């Protein structure tokens, strides 16, 4: 089996960066396993899914695994999206210890795949996430889920997707002949790790006070560009705004929990992509925007102040009566 050299090196650097010291919430297995593929990551067995590879669409990536929590009546749900820069990754990423902790609170769990950018650029993966959420709501009774108590979460790109769903206007189409498309995409709350919250490159460069940053491997496929200079083109800037959670923050959004496993430190044009794309500055900027809108946000990063609560407590507080 052959692996791309650059992503493998990035994965090793990311793994090394998380190896020492206490870190904020890390719901995912170490990124190197995602880079190396499904065989390295391993299918979930402890606990094994109640239902595996449930289909929510026609594509082979339109699949999720479901774990049923114990408890009386319909259960709340935590819907997890994997990371991987929209270029790799799979639903086996969710760490078993995190999965068990959520199930122990009486909250059912779904871990979801979506189409990667090799089959189409942004916003396609985000729309897949919305479709999965609508599918789950439409079939809530089949999973013994309360459709009014659904949280989203994820790592990196999956965290971006979860926040996008949390802040975006409801994508339900009440006039659609498709009953699934008529379902709401609004959620109760979101808890994410290492999410890049804003993708408008010129503005992100301004946040970091640098002329440019090192290229993330999937950037060109995400935006269908041939060079990084095109990140300044109006078409790309407009698309980046559409897919950025930061853009969609407004009063009345649900509460969110943001974890960043790295430190708030300076970056430059030599900084590895997995360092700057997961940087706490994305959480700091988003938290300020959320607070300015009058909404709730908890933020935890490695060299920042400790949060008032951990993410499992956060999810339990908002999902259980």
C-alpha atoms as a PDB file:
ATOM      1  CA  UNK A   1       0.000   0.000   0.000  1.00  0.00           C
ATOM      2  CA  UNK A   2       1.354   3.431  -0.944  1.00  0.00           C
ATOM      3  CA  UNK A   3       0.719   6.618   1.021  1.00  0.00           C
ATOM      4  CA  UNK A   4       1.227  10.255  -0.121  1.00  0.00           C
ATOM      5  CA  UNK A   5       4.475  11.494   1.388  1.00  0.00           C
ATOM      6  CA  UNK A   6       3.433  15.039   2.262  1.00  0.00           C
ATOM      7  CA  UNK A   7       0.194  14.129   4.089  1.00  0.00           C
ATOM      8  CA  UNK A   8       2.031  11.373   5.967  1.00  0.00           C
ATOM      9  CA  UNK A   9       4.703  13.810   7.152  1.00  0.00           C
ATOM     10  CA  UNK A  10       2.040  16.317   8.158  1.00  0.00           C
ATOM     11  CA  UNK A  11       0.258  13.613  10.116  1.00  0.00           C
ATOM     12  CA  UNK A  12       3.440  12.700  11.948  1.00  0.00           C
ATOM     13  CA  UNK A  13       4.040  16.347  12.807  1.00  0.00           C
ATOM     14  CA  UNK A  14       0.481  16.679  14.067  1.00  0.00           C
ATOM     15  CA  UNK A  15       0.860  13.521  16.162  1.00  0.00           C
ATOM     16  CA  UNK A  16       4.124  14.753  17.633  1.00  0.00           C
ATOM     17  CA  UNK A  17       2.572  18.120  18.466  1.00  0.00           C
ATOM     18  CA  UNK A  18      -0.114  16.469  20.590  1.00  0.00           C
ATOM     19  CA  UNK A  19       2.144  14.011  22.371  1.00  0.00           C
ATOM     20  CA  UNK A  20       3.057  15.994  25.478  1.00  0.00           C
ATOM     21  CA  UNK A  21       1.181  17.976  28.090  1.00  0.00           C
ATOM     22  CA  UNK A  22      -2.512  18.087  28.922  1.00  0.00           C
ATOM     23  CA  UNK A  23      -4.688  18.842  25.940  1.00  0.00           C
ATOM     24  CA  UNK A  24      -8.260  20.021  25.511  1.00  0.00           C
ATOM     25  CA  UNK A  25     -10.958  17.696  24.195  1.00  0.00           C
ATOM     26  CA  UNK A  26      -9.733  15.339  21.483  1.00  0.00           C
ATOM     27  CA  UNK A  27     -12.699  13.188  20.375  1.00  0.00           C
ATOM     28  CA  UNK A  28     -10.803  11.689  17.437  1.00  0.00           C
ATOM     29  CA  UNK A  29      -8.128   9.046  17.123  1.00  0.00           C
ATOM     30  CA  UNK A  30      -4.709  10.449  16.238  1.00  0.00           C
ATOM     31  CA  UNK A  31      -4.706  11.903  12.733  1.00  0.00           C
ATOM     32  CA  UNK A  32      -1.990   9.622  11.431  1.00  0.00           C
ATOM     33  CA  UNK A  33      -4.451   6.707  11.424  1.00  0.00           C
ATOM     34  CA  UNK A  34      -6.793   8.629   9.146  1.00  0.00           C
ATOM     35  CA  UNK A  35      -3.923   9.409   6.778  1.00  0.00           C
ATOM     36  CA  UNK A  36      -2.925   5.746   6.653  1.00  0.00           C
ATOM     37  CA  UNK A  37      -6.451   4.605   5.816  1.00  0.00           C
ATOM     38  CA  UNK A  38      -9.238   2.434   7.147  1.00  0.00           C
ATOM     39  CA  UNK A  39      -7.057  -0.598   7.841  1.00  0.00           C
ATOM     40  CA  UNK A  40      -4.854   1.428  10.210  1.00  0.00           C
ATOM     41  CA  UNK A  41      -7.792   3.083  11.930  1.00  0.00           C
ATOM     42  CA  UNK A  42      -9.808  -0.083  12.476  1.00  0.00           C
ATOM     43  CA  UNK A  43     -13.564  -0.626  12.561  1.00  0.00           C
ATOM     44  CA  UNK A  44     -15.273   0.142  15.891  1.00  0.00           C
ATOM     45  CA  UNK A  45     -15.700  -2.967  18.030  1.00  0.00           C
ATOM     46  CA  UNK A  46     -15.783  -1.773  21.652  1.00  0.00           C
ATOM     47  CA  UNK A  47     -18.495  -0.725  21.629  1.00  0.00           C
ATOM     48  CA  UNK A  48     -19.663  -2.083  18.294  1.00  0.00           C
ATOM     49  CA  UNK A  49     -22.353  -0.083  16.476  1.00  0.00           C
ATOM     50  CA  UNK A  50     -25.970  -1.027  17.050  1.00  0.00           C
ATOM     51  CA  UNK A  51     -26.386  -0.542  13.299  1.00  0.00           C
ATOM     52  CA  UNK A  52     -23.428  -0.129  10.938  1.00  0.00           C
ATOM     53  CA  UNK A  53     -23.192   1.395   7.452  1.00  0.00           C
ATOM     54  CA  UNK A  54     -26.680   2.862   7.424  1.00  0.00           C
ATOM     55  CA  UNK A  55     -27.314   4.568   4.079  1.00  0.00           C
ATOM     56  CA  UNK A  56     -28.594   8.137   3.843  1.00  0.00           C
ATOM     57  CA  UNK A  57     -28.004   8.606   0.096  1.00  0.00           C
ATOM     58  CA  UNK A  58     -26.882   7.042  -3.165  1.00  0.00           C
ATOM     59  CA  UNK A  59     -23.112   7.592  -2.933  1.00  0.00           C
ATOM     60  CA  UNK A  60     -20.870   4.979  -1.290  1.00  0.00           C
ATOM     61  CA  UNK A  61     -19.766   7.638   1.199  1.00  0.00           C
ATOM     62  CA  UNK A  62     -23.354   8.319   2.284  1.00  0.00           C
ATOM     63  CA  UNK A  63     -23.088   6.009   5.282  1.00  0.00           C
ATOM     64  CA  UNK A  64     -23.156   6.290   9.059  1.00  0.00           C
ATOM     65  CA  UNK A  65     -22.776   4.043  12.120  1.00  0.00           C
ATOM     66  CA  UNK A  66     -25.348   4.236  14.928  1.00  0.00           C
ATOM     67  CA  UNK A  67     -25.006   3.432  18.637  1.00  0.00           C
ATOM     68  CA  UNK A  68     -28.206   3.223  20.686  1.00  0.00           C
ATOM     69  CA  UNK A  69     -28.049   4.645  24.209  1.00  0.00           C
ATOM     70  CA  UNK A  70     -29.988   3.107  27.066  1.00  0.00           C
ATOM     71  CA  UNK A  71     -32.842   5.026  28.662  1.00  0.00           C
ATOM     72  CA  UNK A  72     -36.569   5.510  28.717  1.00  0.00           C
ATOM     73  CA  UNK A  73     -38.224   7.147  25.732  1.00  0.00           C
ATOM     74  CA  UNK A  74     -36.588   8.659  22.631  1.00  0.00           C
ATOM     75  CA  UNK A  75     -32.949   9.486  23.248  1.00  0.00           C
ATOM     76  CA  UNK A  76     -31.035  12.661  22.370  1.00  0.00           C
ATOM     77  CA  UNK A  77     -28.372  12.275  19.686  1.00  0.00           C
ATOM     78  CA  UNK A  78     -24.769  13.339  19.149  1.00  0.00           C
ATOM     79  CA  UNK A  79     -23.998  13.389  15.394  1.00  0.00           C
ATOM     80  CA  UNK A  80     -20.250  13.240  14.701  1.00  0.00           C
ATOM     81  CA  UNK A  81     -18.429  14.173  11.458  1.00  0.00           C
ATOM     82  CA  UNK A  82     -14.837  13.050  10.891  1.00  0.00           C
ATOM     83  CA  UNK A  83     -11.907  15.284   9.987  1.00  0.00           C
ATOM     84  CA  UNK A  84      -9.418  15.131   7.140  1.00  0.00           C
ATOM     85  CA  UNK A  85      -9.557  18.474   5.341  1.00  0.00           C
ATOM     86  CA  UNK A  86     -12.456  17.158   3.228  1.00  0.00           C
ATOM     87  CA  UNK A  87      -9.836  15.075   1.422  1.00  0.00           C
ATOM     88  CA  UNK A  88      -9.662  11.878   3.507  1.00  0.00           C
ATOM     89  CA  UNK A  89     -10.954  10.310   6.726  1.00  0.00           C
ATOM     90  CA  UNK A  90     -13.843   8.092   7.754  1.00  0.00           C
ATOM     91  CA  UNK A  91     -16.492   7.480  10.385  1.00  0.00           C
ATOM     92  CA  UNK A  92     -14.251   5.106  12.351  1.00  0.00           C
ATOM     93  CA  UNK A  93     -12.330   8.113  13.663  1.00  0.00           C
ATOM     94  CA  UNK A  94     -14.380   8.654  16.832  1.00  0.00           C
ATOM     95  CA  UNK A  95     -12.385   7.664  19.894  1.00  0.00           C
ATOM     96  CA  UNK A  96     -13.992   4.706  21.769  1.00  0.00           C
ATOM     97  CA  UNK A  97     -13.529   6.329  25.192  1.00  0.00           C
ATOM     98  CA  UNK A  98     -15.393   9.441  24.017  1.00  0.00           C
ATOM     99  CA  UNK A  99     -18.104   7.306  22.462  1.00  0.00           C
ATOM    100  CA  UNK A 100     -18.623   5.399  25.716  1.00  0.00           C
ATOM    101  CA  UNK A 101     -18.681   8.622  27.757  1.00  0.00           C
ATOM    102  CA  UNK A 102     -21.483  10.027  25.624  1.00  0.00           C
ATOM    103  CA  UNK A 103     -23.479   6.788  25.616  1.00  0.00           C
ATOM    104  CA  UNK A 104     -23.166   6.611  29.408  1.00  0.00           C
ATOM    105  CA  UNK A 105     -25.085   9.895  29.593  1.00  0.00           C
ATOM    106  CA  UNK A 106     -28.035   8.340  27.776  1.00  0.00           C
ATOM    107  CA  UNK A 107     -27.161  10.089  24.501  1.00  0.00           C
ATOM    108  CA  UNK A 108     -27.183   8.007  21.324  1.00  0.00           C
ATOM    109  CA  UNK A 109     -24.346   8.526  18.837  1.00  0.00           C
ATOM    110  CA  UNK A 110     -23.983   8.547  15.062  1.00  0.00           C
ATOM    111  CA  UNK A 111     -20.625   8.809  13.292  1.00  0.00           C
ATOM    112  CA  UNK A 112     -21.036   9.889   9.694  1.00  0.00           C
ATOM    113  CA  UNK A 113     -19.145   9.737   6.397  1.00  0.00           C
ATOM    114  CA  UNK A 114     -19.669  12.257   3.603  1.00  0.00           C
ATOM    115  CA  UNK A 115     -18.367  12.773   0.096  1.00  0.00           C
ATOM    116  CA  UNK A 116     -14.779  13.994  -0.152  1.00  0.00           C
ATOM    117  CA  UNK A 117     -13.612  16.751  -2.484  1.00  0.00           C
ATOM    118  CA  UNK A 118     -12.200  14.238  -4.953  1.00  0.00           C
ATOM    119  CA  UNK A 119     -15.823  13.795  -6.042  1.00  0.00           C
ATOM    120  CA  UNK A 120     -16.720  17.493  -5.977  1.00  0.00           C
ATOM    121  CA  UNK A 121     -15.631  20.767  -4.342  1.00  0.00           C
ATOM    122  CA  UNK A 122     -17.136  22.667  -1.453  1.00  0.00           C
ATOM    123  CA  UNK A 123     -19.929  23.079  -0.454  1.00  0.00           C
ATOM    124  CA  UNK A 124     -20.800  19.473  -1.418  1.00  0.00           C
ATOM    125  CA  UNK A 125     -19.528  17.858   1.830  1.00  0.00           C
ATOM    126  CA  UNK A 126     -21.457  20.377   3.938  1.00  0.00           C
ATOM    127  CA  UNK A 127     -24.656  19.650   2.067  1.00  0.00           C
ATOM    128  CA  UNK A 128     -24.040  15.944   2.700  1.00  0.00           C
ATOM    129  CA  UNK A 129     -23.865  16.698   6.418  1.00  0.00           C
ATOM    130  CA  UNK A 130     -27.148  18.577   6.220  1.00  0.00           C
ATOM    131  CA  UNK A 131     -28.734  15.714   4.289  1.00  0.00           C
ATOM    132  CA  UNK A 132     -27.569  13.183   6.877  1.00  0.00           C
ATOM    133  CA  UNK A 133     -29.131  15.307   9.623  1.00  0.00           C
ATOM    134  CA  UNK A 134     -32.405  15.557   7.708  1.00  0.00           C
ATOM    135  CA  UNK A 135     -32.410  11.817   7.024  1.00  0.00           C
ATOM    136  CA  UNK A 136     -31.918  11.085  10.712  1.00  0.00           C
ATOM    137  CA  UNK A 137     -34.737  13.433  11.679  1.00  0.00           C
ATOM    138  CA  UNK A 138     -37.078  11.879   9.119  1.00  0.00           C
ATOM    139  CA  UNK A 139     -36.312   8.410  10.498  1.00  0.00           C
ATOM    140  CA  UNK A 140     -36.065   9.450  14.161  1.00  0.00           C
ATOM    141  CA  UNK A 141     -38.645   6.913  15.303  1.00  0.00           C
ATOM    142  CA  UNK A 142     -36.671   4.072  13.686  1.00  0.00           C
ATOM    143  CA  UNK A 143     -33.637   5.004  15.807  1.00  0.00           C
ATOM    144  CA  UNK A 144     -35.617   5.918  18.944  1.00  0.00           C
ATOM    145  CA  UNK A 145     -34.206   9.455  18.679  1.00  0.00           C
ATOM    146  CA  UNK A 146     -35.776  12.706  19.839  1.00  0.00           C
ATOM    147  CA  UNK A 147     -35.586  14.889  16.687  1.00  0.00           C
ATOM    148  CA  UNK A 148     -35.662  18.034  18.826  1.00  0.00           C
ATOM    149  CA  UNK A 149     -32.520  17.101  20.791  1.00  0.00           C
ATOM    150  CA  UNK A 150     -29.689  16.670  18.303  1.00  0.00           C
ATOM    151  CA  UNK A 151     -26.150  17.983  18.770  1.00  0.00           C
ATOM    152  CA  UNK A 152     -23.381  17.928  16.176  1.00  0.00           C
ATOM    153  CA  UNK A 153     -19.659  17.582  16.659  1.00  0.00           C
ATOM    154  CA  UNK A 154     -16.482  16.726  14.854  1.00  0.00           C
ATOM    155  CA  UNK A 155     -12.781  17.175  14.432  1.00  0.00           C
ATOM    156  CA  UNK A 156     -11.162  19.685  12.039  1.00  0.00           C
ATOM    157  CA  UNK A 157     -13.215  19.661   8.809  1.00  0.00           C
ATOM    158  CA  UNK A 158     -15.931  17.761  10.663  1.00  0.00           C
ATOM    159  CA  UNK A 159     -15.935  20.470  13.310  1.00  0.00           C
ATOM    160  CA  UNK A 160     -16.289  23.115  10.612  1.00  0.00           C
ATOM    161  CA  UNK A 161     -19.262  21.190   9.208  1.00  0.00           C
ATOM    162  CA  UNK A 162     -20.895  20.973  12.646  1.00  0.00           C
ATOM    163  CA  UNK A 163     -20.483  24.696  13.294  1.00  0.00           C
ATOM    164  CA  UNK A 164     -21.772  25.498   9.799  1.00  0.00           C
ATOM    165  CA  UNK A 165     -24.939  23.558  10.586  1.00  0.00           C
ATOM    166  CA  UNK A 166     -25.208  25.288  13.975  1.00  0.00           C
ATOM    167  CA  UNK A 167     -25.063  28.793  12.489  1.00  0.00           C
ATOM    168  CA  UNK A 168     -26.473  28.461   8.976  1.00  0.00           C
ATOM    169  CA  UNK A 169     -30.080  29.342   8.255  1.00  0.00           C
ATOM    170  CA  UNK A 170     -32.376  26.331   8.240  1.00  0.00           C
ATOM    171  CA  UNK A 171     -31.956  24.442   4.960  1.00  0.00           C
ATOM    172  CA  UNK A 172     -35.382  22.796   5.169  1.00  0.00           C
ATOM    173  CA  UNK A 173     -37.468  23.170   2.020  1.00  0.00           C
ATOM    174  CA  UNK A 174     -41.096  23.014   3.179  1.00  0.00           C
ATOM    175  CA  UNK A 175     -42.384  22.876  -0.413  1.00  0.00           C
ATOM    176  CA  UNK A 176     -40.167  19.993  -1.517  1.00  0.00           C
ATOM    177  CA  UNK A 177     -41.820  16.780  -2.726  1.00  0.00           C
ATOM    178  CA  UNK A 178     -39.010  14.970  -0.893  1.00  0.00           C
ATOM    179  CA  UNK A 179     -40.094  14.448   2.750  1.00  0.00           C
ATOM    180  CA  UNK A 180     -36.466  14.299   3.898  1.00  0.00           C
ATOM    181  CA  UNK A 181     -35.690  17.703   2.353  1.00  0.00           C
ATOM    182  CA  UNK A 182     -38.587  19.159   4.352  1.00  0.00           C
ATOM    183  CA  UNK A 183     -36.796  18.328   7.622  1.00  0.00           C
ATOM    184  CA  UNK A 184     -35.033  21.029   9.631  1.00  0.00           C
ATOM    185  CA  UNK A 185     -31.229  21.313   9.769  1.00  0.00           C
ATOM    186  CA  UNK A 186     -31.171  23.291  13.009  1.00  0.00           C
ATOM    187  CA  UNK A 187     -29.476  21.686  16.027  1.00  0.00           C
ATOM    188  CA  UNK A 188     -29.514  22.037  19.809  1.00  0.00           C
ATOM    189  CA  UNK A 189     -25.787  22.639  20.297  1.00  0.00           C
ATOM    190  CA  UNK A 190     -22.358  21.737  18.909  1.00  0.00           C
ATOM    191  CA  UNK A 191     -19.086  20.537  20.445  1.00  0.00           C
ATOM    192  CA  UNK A 192     -16.040  20.488  18.171  1.00  0.00           C
ATOM    193  CA  UNK A 193     -12.272  20.089  18.175  1.00  0.00           C
ATOM    194  CA  UNK A 194      -9.649  21.958  16.110  1.00  0.00           C
ATOM    195  CA  UNK A 195     -12.187  23.440  13.701  1.00  0.00           C
ATOM    196  CA  UNK A 196     -10.971  26.019  11.154  1.00  0.00           C
ATOM    197  CA  UNK A 197     -13.844  28.452  11.568  1.00  0.00           C
ATOM    198  CA  UNK A 198     -13.097  30.818   8.659  1.00  0.00           C
ATOM    199  CA  UNK A 199     -11.863  29.960   5.156  1.00  0.00           C
ATOM    200  CA  UNK A 200     -11.582  33.385   3.508  1.00  0.00           C
ATOM    201  CA  UNK A 201      -7.822  33.315   2.915  1.00  0.00           C
ATOM    202  CA  UNK A 202      -7.077  37.079   2.736  1.00  0.00           C
ATOM    203  CA  UNK A 203      -8.905  37.652   6.024  1.00  0.00           C
ATOM    204  CA  UNK A 204      -7.267  34.652   7.724  1.00  0.00           C
ATOM    205  CA  UNK A 205      -3.847  35.940   6.610  1.00  0.00           C
ATOM    206  CA  UNK A 206      -4.791  39.245   8.235  1.00  0.00           C
ATOM    207  CA  UNK A 207      -5.721  37.492  11.480  1.00  0.00           C
ATOM    208  CA  UNK A 208      -2.280  35.875  11.605  1.00  0.00           C
ATOM    209  CA  UNK A 209      -0.541  39.023  10.292  1.00  0.00           C
ATOM    210  CA  UNK A 210       1.254  37.169   7.509  1.00  0.00           C
ATOM    211  CA  UNK A 211       1.234  37.669   3.702  1.00  0.00           C
ATOM    212  CA  UNK A 212       0.373  34.005   3.150  1.00  0.00           C
ATOM    213  CA  UNK A 213       0.411  30.586   4.822  1.00  0.00           C
ATOM    214  CA  UNK A 214       1.623  27.174   3.732  1.00  0.00           C
ATOM    215  CA  UNK A 215      -0.835  25.297   1.591  1.00  0.00           C
ATOM    216  CA  UNK A 216      -3.067  22.635   3.094  1.00  0.00           C
ATOM    217  CA  UNK A 217      -3.027  19.525   0.841  1.00  0.00           C
ATOM    218  CA  UNK A 218      -6.720  19.599  -0.116  1.00  0.00           C
ATOM    219  CA  UNK A 219      -7.076  23.363  -0.616  1.00  0.00           C
ATOM    220  CA  UNK A 220      -6.996  23.319  -4.416  1.00  0.00           C
ATOM    221  CA  UNK A 221      -9.621  20.601  -4.686  1.00  0.00           C
ATOM    222  CA  UNK A 222     -11.823  22.250  -2.059  1.00  0.00           C
ATOM    223  CA  UNK A 223     -12.086  25.400  -4.166  1.00  0.00           C
ATOM    224  CA  UNK A 224     -11.328  24.051  -7.666  1.00  0.00           C
ATOM    225  CA  UNK A 225      -8.253  26.232  -8.129  1.00  0.00           C
ATOM    226  CA  UNK A 226      -4.867  25.668  -9.728  1.00  0.00           C
ATOM    227  CA  UNK A 227      -2.805  28.119  -7.681  1.00  0.00           C
ATOM    228  CA  UNK A 228      -2.983  29.754  -4.254  1.00  0.00           C
ATOM    229  CA  UNK A 229      -3.199  33.176  -5.903  1.00  0.00           C
ATOM    230  CA  UNK A 230      -6.756  32.237  -6.892  1.00  0.00           C
ATOM    231  CA  UNK A 231      -7.738  32.292  -3.219  1.00  0.00           C
ATOM    232  CA  UNK A 232      -8.027  36.075  -3.699  1.00  0.00           C
ATOM    233  CA  UNK A 233     -10.402  35.791  -6.677  1.00  0.00           C
ATOM    234  CA  UNK A 234     -13.928  37.084  -5.988  1.00  0.00           C
ATOM    235  CA  UNK A 235     -15.487  33.715  -6.908  1.00  0.00           C
ATOM    236  CA  UNK A 236     -13.321  31.839  -4.425  1.00  0.00           C
ATOM    237  CA  UNK A 237     -13.725  34.464  -1.707  1.00  0.00           C
ATOM    238  CA  UNK A 238     -17.503  34.286  -2.122  1.00  0.00           C
ATOM    239  CA  UNK A 239     -17.462  30.471  -1.900  1.00  0.00           C
ATOM    240  CA  UNK A 240     -15.184  30.616   1.143  1.00  0.00           C
ATOM    241  CA  UNK A 241     -17.648  32.937   2.867  1.00  0.00           C
ATOM    242  CA  UNK A 242     -20.523  30.606   2.066  1.00  0.00           C
ATOM    243  CA  UNK A 243     -18.803  27.625   3.714  1.00  0.00           C
ATOM    244  CA  UNK A 244     -17.311  29.449   6.728  1.00  0.00           C
ATOM    245  CA  UNK A 245     -19.117  29.115  10.075  1.00  0.00           C
ATOM    246  CA  UNK A 246     -17.768  32.554  11.032  1.00  0.00           C
ATOM    247  CA  UNK A 247     -19.859  34.147   8.280  1.00  0.00           C
ATOM    248  CA  UNK A 248     -23.170  32.735   9.463  1.00  0.00           C
ATOM    249  CA  UNK A 249     -23.125  33.676  13.162  1.00  0.00           C
ATOM    250  CA  UNK A 250     -26.285  35.567  14.142  1.00  0.00           C
ATOM    251  CA  UNK A 251     -28.396  36.187  17.265  1.00  0.00           C
ATOM    252  CA  UNK A 252     -30.307  33.121  18.420  1.00  0.00           C
ATOM    253  CA  UNK A 253     -27.731  30.538  17.353  1.00  0.00           C
ATOM    254  CA  UNK A 254     -27.314  27.470  19.589  1.00  0.00           C
ATOM    255  CA  UNK A 255     -24.510  27.259  22.186  1.00  0.00           C
ATOM    256  CA  UNK A 256     -21.191  25.785  21.080  1.00  0.00           C
ATOM    257  CA  UNK A 257     -18.113  24.269  22.709  1.00  0.00           C
ATOM    258  CA  UNK A 258     -14.792  24.910  20.929  1.00  0.00           C
ATOM    259  CA  UNK A 259     -11.650  22.922  21.762  1.00  0.00           C
ATOM    260  CA  UNK A 260      -8.249  23.541  20.184  1.00  0.00           C
ATOM    261  CA  UNK A 261      -5.506  21.083  21.091  1.00  0.00           C
ATOM    262  CA  UNK A 262      -2.687  23.447  20.138  1.00  0.00           C
ATOM    263  CA  UNK A 263      -1.249  26.516  21.810  1.00  0.00           C
ATOM    264  CA  UNK A 264      -2.006  30.116  20.965  1.00  0.00           C
ATOM    265  CA  UNK A 265       1.345  31.019  19.437  1.00  0.00           C
ATOM    266  CA  UNK A 266       2.638  33.043  16.518  1.00  0.00           C
ATOM    267  CA  UNK A 267       2.808  31.535  13.046  1.00  0.00           C
ATOM    268  CA  UNK A 268       4.726  32.447   9.913  1.00  0.00           C
ATOM    269  CA  UNK A 269       4.949  31.343   6.285  1.00  0.00           C
ATOM    270  CA  UNK A 270       6.929  28.248   7.327  1.00  0.00           C
ATOM    271  CA  UNK A 271       4.372  26.980   9.867  1.00  0.00           C
ATOM    272  CA  UNK A 272       3.055  23.525   9.019  1.00  0.00           C
ATOM    273  CA  UNK A 273      -0.509  23.502   7.620  1.00  0.00           C
ATOM    274  CA  UNK A 274      -1.841  21.275  10.421  1.00  0.00           C
ATOM    275  CA  UNK A 275      -0.566  23.803  12.960  1.00  0.00           C
ATOM    276  CA  UNK A 276      -2.125  26.948  11.540  1.00  0.00           C
ATOM    277  CA  UNK A 277      -5.351  25.338  10.265  1.00  0.00           C
ATOM    278  CA  UNK A 278      -6.103  24.064  13.811  1.00  0.00           C
ATOM    279  CA  UNK A 279      -4.822  27.194  15.567  1.00  0.00           C
ATOM    280  CA  UNK A 280      -6.724  28.500  18.627  1.00  0.00           C
ATOM    281  CA  UNK A 281      -7.007  31.888  16.922  1.00  0.00           C
ATOM    282  CA  UNK A 282      -9.870  30.417  14.878  1.00  0.00           C
ATOM    283  CA  UNK A 283     -11.688  29.714  18.139  1.00  0.00           C
ATOM    284  CA  UNK A 284     -10.770  33.056  19.714  1.00  0.00           C
ATOM    285  CA  UNK A 285     -12.092  35.016  16.732  1.00  0.00           C
ATOM    286  CA  UNK A 286     -15.257  32.925  16.507  1.00  0.00           C
ATOM    287  CA  UNK A 287     -15.954  33.201  20.245  1.00  0.00           C
ATOM    288  CA  UNK A 288     -15.786  36.992  20.024  1.00  0.00           C
ATOM    289  CA  UNK A 289     -18.204  37.022  17.094  1.00  0.00           C
ATOM    290  CA  UNK A 290     -20.568  34.657  18.943  1.00  0.00           C
ATOM    291  CA  UNK A 291     -20.498  36.794  22.078  1.00  0.00           C
ATOM    292  CA  UNK A 292     -21.074  39.945  20.010  1.00  0.00           C
ATOM    293  CA  UNK A 293     -24.233  38.251  18.673  1.00  0.00           C
ATOM    294  CA  UNK A 294     -25.390  37.557  22.238  1.00  0.00           C
ATOM    295  CA  UNK A 295     -24.891  33.790  22.066  1.00  0.00           C
ATOM    296  CA  UNK A 296     -23.075  31.246  24.243  1.00  0.00           C
ATOM    297  CA  UNK A 297     -19.607  29.862  23.512  1.00  0.00           C
ATOM    298  CA  UNK A 298     -17.152  27.873  25.616  1.00  0.00           C
ATOM    299  CA  UNK A 299     -13.534  27.874  24.400  1.00  0.00           C
ATOM    300  CA  UNK A 300     -10.621  25.749  25.604  1.00  0.00           C
ATOM    301  CA  UNK A 301      -7.112  25.687  24.141  1.00  0.00           C
ATOM    302  CA  UNK A 302      -3.911  24.297  25.548  1.00  0.00           C
ATOM    303  CA  UNK A 303      -2.335  27.449  26.999  1.00  0.00           C
ATOM    304  CA  UNK A 304      -5.633  29.245  27.591  1.00  0.00           C
ATOM    305  CA  UNK A 305      -7.781  29.530  30.716  1.00  0.00           C
ATOM    306  CA  UNK A 306      -9.596  26.361  31.797  1.00  0.00           C
ATOM    307  CA  UNK A 307     -13.235  26.155  30.691  1.00  0.00           C
ATOM    308  CA  UNK A 308     -16.132  26.221  33.119  1.00  0.00           C
ATOM    309  CA  UNK A 309     -17.156  22.694  32.045  1.00  0.00           C
ATOM    310  CA  UNK A 310     -15.919  19.775  29.985  1.00  0.00           C
ATOM    311  CA  UNK A 311     -17.543  18.918  26.626  1.00  0.00           C
ATOM    312  CA  UNK A 312     -19.387  15.825  27.866  1.00  0.00           C
ATOM    313  CA  UNK A 313     -20.983  17.884  30.635  1.00  0.00           C
ATOM    314  CA  UNK A 314     -21.776  20.568  28.059  1.00  0.00           C
ATOM    315  CA  UNK A 315     -23.530  18.061  25.803  1.00  0.00           C
ATOM    316  CA  UNK A 316     -25.398  16.472  28.708  1.00  0.00           C
ATOM    317  CA  UNK A 317     -26.562  19.832  30.008  1.00  0.00           C
ATOM    318  CA  UNK A 318     -28.043  20.863  26.673  1.00  0.00           C
ATOM    319  CA  UNK A 319     -29.371  17.498  25.494  1.00  0.00           C
ATOM    320  CA  UNK A 320     -30.897  15.946  28.610  1.00  0.00           C
ATOM    321  CA  UNK A 321     -33.728  17.430  30.692  1.00  0.00           C
END
